[in-house]
Protein backbone atom coordinates (compact mmCIF):
# COMPACT_ATOMS: atom_id res chain seq x y z
CA MET A 1 0.29 0.03 -0.23
CA LEU A 2 1.20 3.69 -0.87
CA GLU A 3 2.00 5.84 1.87
CA ILE A 4 0.34 9.30 1.20
CA SER A 5 2.74 12.33 3.08
CA GLU A 6 0.32 14.97 4.38
CA ARG A 7 1.23 18.31 3.31
CA GLN A 8 2.72 20.74 5.87
CA THR A 9 2.20 24.56 6.33
CA SER A 10 5.30 26.68 5.61
CA ARG A 11 6.00 28.11 9.15
CA ALA A 12 7.80 30.78 6.57
CA ALA A 13 4.62 31.87 5.39
CA GLY A 14 3.36 32.61 8.47
CA TRP A 15 6.16 34.70 9.60
CA SER A 16 6.28 36.68 6.04
CA ARG A 17 2.78 37.32 6.28
CA ARG A 18 3.20 38.77 10.36
CA THR A 19 6.29 40.45 9.33
CA GLY A 20 4.90 42.34 6.29
CA ALA A 21 1.48 43.68 8.53
CA PHE A 22 3.80 44.36 11.34
CA SER A 23 6.32 46.75 9.00
CA ALA A 24 2.97 48.10 7.56
CA VAL A 25 1.46 49.09 10.64
CA LEU A 26 4.66 50.47 11.98
CA LEU A 27 5.53 52.51 9.31
CA LEU A 28 1.58 54.11 9.11
CA THR A 29 1.96 54.72 12.86
CA VAL A 30 5.32 56.54 12.88
CA LEU A 31 4.41 58.70 10.03
CA ILE A 32 1.30 59.62 11.76
CA GLY A 33 3.20 59.94 15.13
CA HIS A 34 5.97 62.09 12.93
CA ARG A 35 3.82 64.31 11.52
CA TYR A 36 2.01 65.20 14.71
CA ASP A 37 4.93 65.99 16.57
CA LEU A 38 4.44 63.03 19.04
CA VAL A 39 7.98 60.91 17.72
CA GLU A 40 11.24 63.10 17.43
CA THR A 41 12.58 63.09 14.14
CA PRO A 42 15.68 61.24 14.90
CA ALA A 43 13.68 58.32 16.49
CA PHE A 44 11.50 58.61 13.55
CA LEU A 45 14.56 58.09 11.31
CA TRP A 46 15.48 54.88 13.48
CA VAL A 47 12.24 53.63 12.93
CA LEU A 48 11.97 54.00 9.17
CA ALA A 49 15.52 52.13 9.13
CA ILE A 50 13.73 49.38 11.66
CA VAL A 51 10.57 49.18 9.05
CA ALA A 52 12.89 48.90 5.76
CA LEU A 53 14.53 45.72 7.43
CA LEU A 54 11.19 44.23 8.70
CA ALA A 55 9.97 44.57 5.28
CA ALA A 56 13.12 42.90 3.75
CA LEU A 57 13.23 40.40 6.02
CA ALA A 58 9.08 39.70 5.03
CA LEU A 59 10.48 39.15 1.74
CA LEU A 60 13.16 37.03 2.89
CA PHE A 61 10.51 34.62 4.49
CA ALA A 62 8.22 34.69 1.40
CA GLY A 63 11.07 33.31 -0.68
CA PHE A 64 11.81 30.67 1.53
CA ALA A 65 7.97 29.70 1.73
CA PHE A 66 8.08 29.95 -2.21
CA SER A 67 10.86 27.38 -2.56
CA ARG A 68 9.15 24.61 0.34
CA LEU A 69 5.91 25.16 -1.72
CA TRP A 70 7.60 24.52 -5.16
CA ASN A 71 9.66 22.06 -3.88
CA PHE A 72 7.77 19.88 -1.10
CA GLY A 73 3.83 21.56 -2.15
CA ASP A 74 3.64 22.92 1.47
CA ARG A 75 0.51 24.90 2.27
CA GLY A 76 1.09 28.65 2.72
CA GLY A 77 0.62 30.55 -0.63
CA ARG A 78 -2.29 32.95 0.36
CA ASP A 79 0.09 33.89 3.24
CA LEU A 80 3.46 34.70 1.39
CA SER A 81 1.38 36.43 -1.30
CA VAL A 82 0.11 38.93 1.48
CA GLY A 83 3.47 38.76 3.25
CA ALA A 84 5.25 39.61 0.03
CA LEU A 85 2.67 42.11 -1.44
CA LEU A 86 2.59 44.26 2.26
CA ALA A 87 6.53 44.35 2.06
CA LEU A 88 6.49 45.46 -1.26
CA LEU A 89 3.95 48.21 -0.90
CA VAL A 90 6.02 49.33 2.15
CA LEU A 91 9.53 49.09 0.31
CA THR A 92 8.02 50.98 -2.47
CA PRO A 93 8.56 54.36 -0.85
CA TYR A 94 12.16 53.56 0.12
CA GLY A 95 12.98 52.83 -3.77
CA VAL A 96 11.70 56.15 -4.80
CA ALA A 97 13.51 57.80 -2.16
CA ALA A 98 16.71 55.69 -3.26
CA TYR A 99 15.70 56.86 -7.27
CA TRP A 100 15.46 60.59 -6.12
CA ALA A 101 18.78 60.69 -3.94
CA ALA A 102 20.41 59.27 -7.28
CA THR A 103 18.57 62.12 -9.21
CA TYR A 104 19.13 64.99 -7.18
CA PRO A 105 22.22 66.63 -6.28
CA PRO A 106 23.59 66.12 -3.01
CA LEU A 107 22.56 69.06 -1.46
CA ARG A 108 20.59 70.51 1.68
CA ASP A 109 21.43 73.54 2.25
CA ILE A 110 20.14 76.37 -0.69
CA SER A 111 19.95 79.84 -0.26
CA THR A 112 19.28 82.65 -3.65
CA ASP A 113 22.19 84.15 -1.84
CA PHE A 114 25.78 82.85 -2.09
CA ASP A 115 27.79 85.42 -0.71
CA ASP A 116 25.56 86.35 2.16
CA PRO A 117 23.22 83.81 2.61
CA PRO A 118 20.02 85.02 4.75
CA ALA A 119 20.80 83.72 8.72
CA LEU A 120 19.16 81.12 10.44
CA ASP A 121 18.17 80.69 13.74
CA ILE A 122 20.22 78.22 15.35
CA SER A 123 19.13 78.47 18.84
CA THR A 124 16.79 75.57 18.27
CA ARG A 125 19.33 73.62 16.75
CA THR A 126 21.00 70.46 18.24
CA ARG A 127 24.32 68.58 17.62
CA ASP A 128 22.52 65.65 16.19
CA MET A 129 21.75 68.12 13.23
CA ASN A 130 23.25 69.18 10.00
CA LEU A 131 26.05 71.23 10.43
CA LEU A 132 25.68 74.98 8.69
CA SER A 133 28.49 76.22 6.88
CA PRO A 134 29.22 78.36 3.63
CA PRO A 135 28.40 76.42 0.55
CA THR A 136 31.79 75.94 -1.43
CA PRO A 137 32.13 76.63 -5.11
CA GLY A 138 31.33 73.47 -6.51
CA ALA A 139 27.82 73.26 -4.57
CA GLN A 140 27.29 76.63 -5.52
CA ARG A 141 28.06 75.42 -9.04
CA LEU A 142 25.88 72.61 -8.68
CA GLN A 143 22.92 74.72 -7.20
CA THR A 144 22.76 77.16 -9.94
CA GLU A 145 22.79 74.22 -12.65
CA THR A 146 20.07 72.28 -11.21
CA TYR A 147 17.78 74.79 -9.54
CA PRO A 148 18.16 77.85 -11.79
CA LEU A 149 14.62 79.07 -10.64
CA VAL A 150 16.36 79.54 -7.35
CA THR A 151 16.97 83.23 -7.25
CA GLY A 152 16.32 86.44 -5.20
CA ARG A 153 13.29 88.97 -5.78
CA SER A 154 14.02 93.01 -6.43
CA TYR A 155 10.76 95.12 -6.24
CA ASN A 156 10.17 98.92 -6.69
CA LEU A 157 8.13 99.68 -4.03
CA PRO A 158 8.25 100.65 -0.59
CA PHE A 159 9.45 98.21 2.12
CA ASP A 160 6.40 98.38 4.10
CA SER A 161 4.58 97.23 1.09
CA VAL A 162 7.01 94.02 0.31
CA LEU A 163 6.94 92.83 4.15
CA ASP A 164 3.26 93.16 4.03
CA ALA A 165 3.55 90.96 1.08
CA VAL A 166 5.61 88.40 2.74
CA GLU A 167 3.49 88.35 5.74
CA THR A 168 0.57 87.46 3.85
CA VAL A 169 2.23 84.64 2.00
CA LEU A 170 3.45 83.28 5.03
CA GLY A 171 0.56 83.32 7.03
CA ARG A 172 -1.03 80.83 4.03
CA ARG A 173 1.53 78.43 5.46
CA ASP A 174 1.52 76.14 8.29
CA TRP A 175 5.38 77.37 9.26
CA GLN A 176 6.22 77.67 13.42
CA PHE A 177 8.22 80.88 13.44
CA ALA A 178 11.16 81.77 16.09
CA ALA A 179 9.63 85.26 16.84
CA PRO A 180 6.67 87.25 16.12
CA PHE A 181 6.45 88.98 12.45
CA PRO A 182 8.95 92.17 12.92
CA ASP A 183 7.69 95.61 12.77
CA ALA A 184 8.88 97.90 9.54
CA GLU A 185 8.80 100.89 10.67
CA GLY A 186 12.44 102.54 11.00
CA GLN A 187 13.86 99.34 9.55
CA SER A 188 15.92 98.76 6.36
CA GLU A 189 16.44 95.09 6.59
CA VAL A 190 14.37 92.52 8.24
CA THR A 191 14.84 88.84 8.43
CA ILE A 192 12.01 86.46 9.34
CA ASN A 193 12.89 82.89 10.78
CA ALA A 194 10.88 80.01 10.73
CA VAL A 195 11.02 75.68 10.66
CA ALA A 196 9.14 74.26 7.68
CA LYS A 197 8.44 70.43 7.36
CA SER A 198 8.69 68.32 3.84
CA PHE A 199 5.41 67.22 2.09
CA VAL A 200 5.39 63.73 2.73
CA LEU A 201 7.53 62.82 6.00
CA GLY A 202 7.56 65.96 7.86
CA LEU A 203 11.17 66.70 7.95
CA PRO A 204 12.04 69.85 9.39
CA ALA A 205 13.98 72.49 7.67
CA ASP A 206 15.27 75.74 9.07
CA VAL A 207 13.80 78.86 6.79
CA ALA A 208 15.10 82.49 6.79
CA ILE A 209 13.63 85.37 4.51
CA ARG A 210 15.50 88.34 4.50
CA VAL A 211 13.96 91.76 3.43
CA SER A 212 16.21 94.70 2.86
CA ASN A 213 16.18 97.91 1.05
CA ASP A 214 19.98 98.42 -0.51
CA GLY A 215 19.03 102.45 -1.94
CA ASP A 216 17.39 101.20 -5.50
CA ALA A 217 14.74 98.88 -4.89
CA ILE A 218 13.49 96.22 -1.93
CA ILE A 219 15.85 92.56 -2.26
CA VAL A 220 13.83 89.37 -0.80
CA ASP A 221 16.26 86.93 -0.41
CA MET A 222 15.80 83.24 1.09
CA ARG A 223 17.23 80.22 2.56
CA SER A 224 16.42 76.77 3.42
CA ALA A 225 18.58 74.54 5.10
CA SER A 226 17.47 70.73 6.00
CA ARG A 227 17.84 69.84 9.87
CA TYR A 228 18.22 65.87 9.05
CA GLY A 229 19.53 63.78 6.25
CA ARG A 230 22.51 64.29 3.59
CA TYR A 231 20.35 64.57 0.64
CA ASP A 232 16.74 66.74 0.58
CA LEU A 233 15.77 65.64 -2.37
CA GLY A 234 14.90 68.62 -4.06
CA ASP A 235 12.85 69.82 -0.86
CA ASN A 236 14.53 73.39 -0.08
CA ALA A 237 14.50 74.40 -3.56
CA ALA A 238 11.03 73.50 -4.11
CA ARG A 239 10.06 75.35 -0.94
CA ILE A 240 11.89 78.44 -1.95
CA VAL A 241 10.56 78.65 -5.80
CA ASP A 242 7.54 78.10 -4.64
CA PHE A 243 7.36 80.88 -1.61
CA LEU A 244 8.69 83.58 -4.06
CA ALA A 245 6.60 82.67 -7.03
CA GLU A 246 3.45 83.16 -4.76
CA LEU A 247 4.81 86.34 -3.53
CA ASP A 248 5.42 88.04 -6.91
CA GLN A 249 1.68 86.93 -7.32
CA GLN A 250 1.16 88.61 -3.68
CA VAL A 251 2.97 91.62 -4.85
CA ALA A 252 1.31 91.86 -8.28
CA GLY A 253 -2.21 91.67 -7.17
CA GLN A 254 -1.47 94.61 -4.67
CA VAL A 255 0.06 97.16 -6.47
CA GLY A 256 0.60 95.56 -9.97
CA VAL A 257 4.17 96.07 -10.46
CA ALA A 258 6.10 93.00 -11.67
CA PRO A 259 9.25 92.01 -9.54
CA THR A 260 12.89 91.50 -10.96
CA GLU A 261 15.37 88.63 -10.58
């Protein structure tokens, strides 16, 4: 009489599903927690690394389970499929970030003025954050070639009118300001400092907007520097371009005067 062996259930398939599900839940939890300032950025970055490791482990379990299923007919096809799918979904943003890191230049401090960048508020910066240093000639050339739209603005308007327009545009943004908005009376130069967050991960960046009177026109320069990460993935340049473009529209709407760059 032939002896028919009973099909086994792959434990690796079950671990793939459980590990993949845990990595997905952990990713969503830490993203929400960081967005609402419940998780500090250094811990957030560490958890992101753990999530990637868990998702990779889920794929490894799925691969082993598939090998058992293919060679020995083990049960667990549904579990390994769910685990592999969840792991791939979790790892997709990491793949996109890796592609952006290979595409965007290795810059994390962007300014419209290389010679005299607007001063950032460093009172809340800590040792684990990126160091602030003057841009090297190579970094200047790389920024100019990659982000040609990152340029300052010059307006033939009264100082207080430009400062009012800056305040209006800032009021539309959910940025944390280092101090109350300054009074323009008797001033020829004002710098507004704030902390902005990236759209997806909510990573913080220090922002400085300088409004100055050079005697012939009112000059607006802007700087944005990431607090964490070797690459900003274009976030700082996009923030500056978007803000100054909206400022142009605000100024034009207020007084009907176009800016010069």
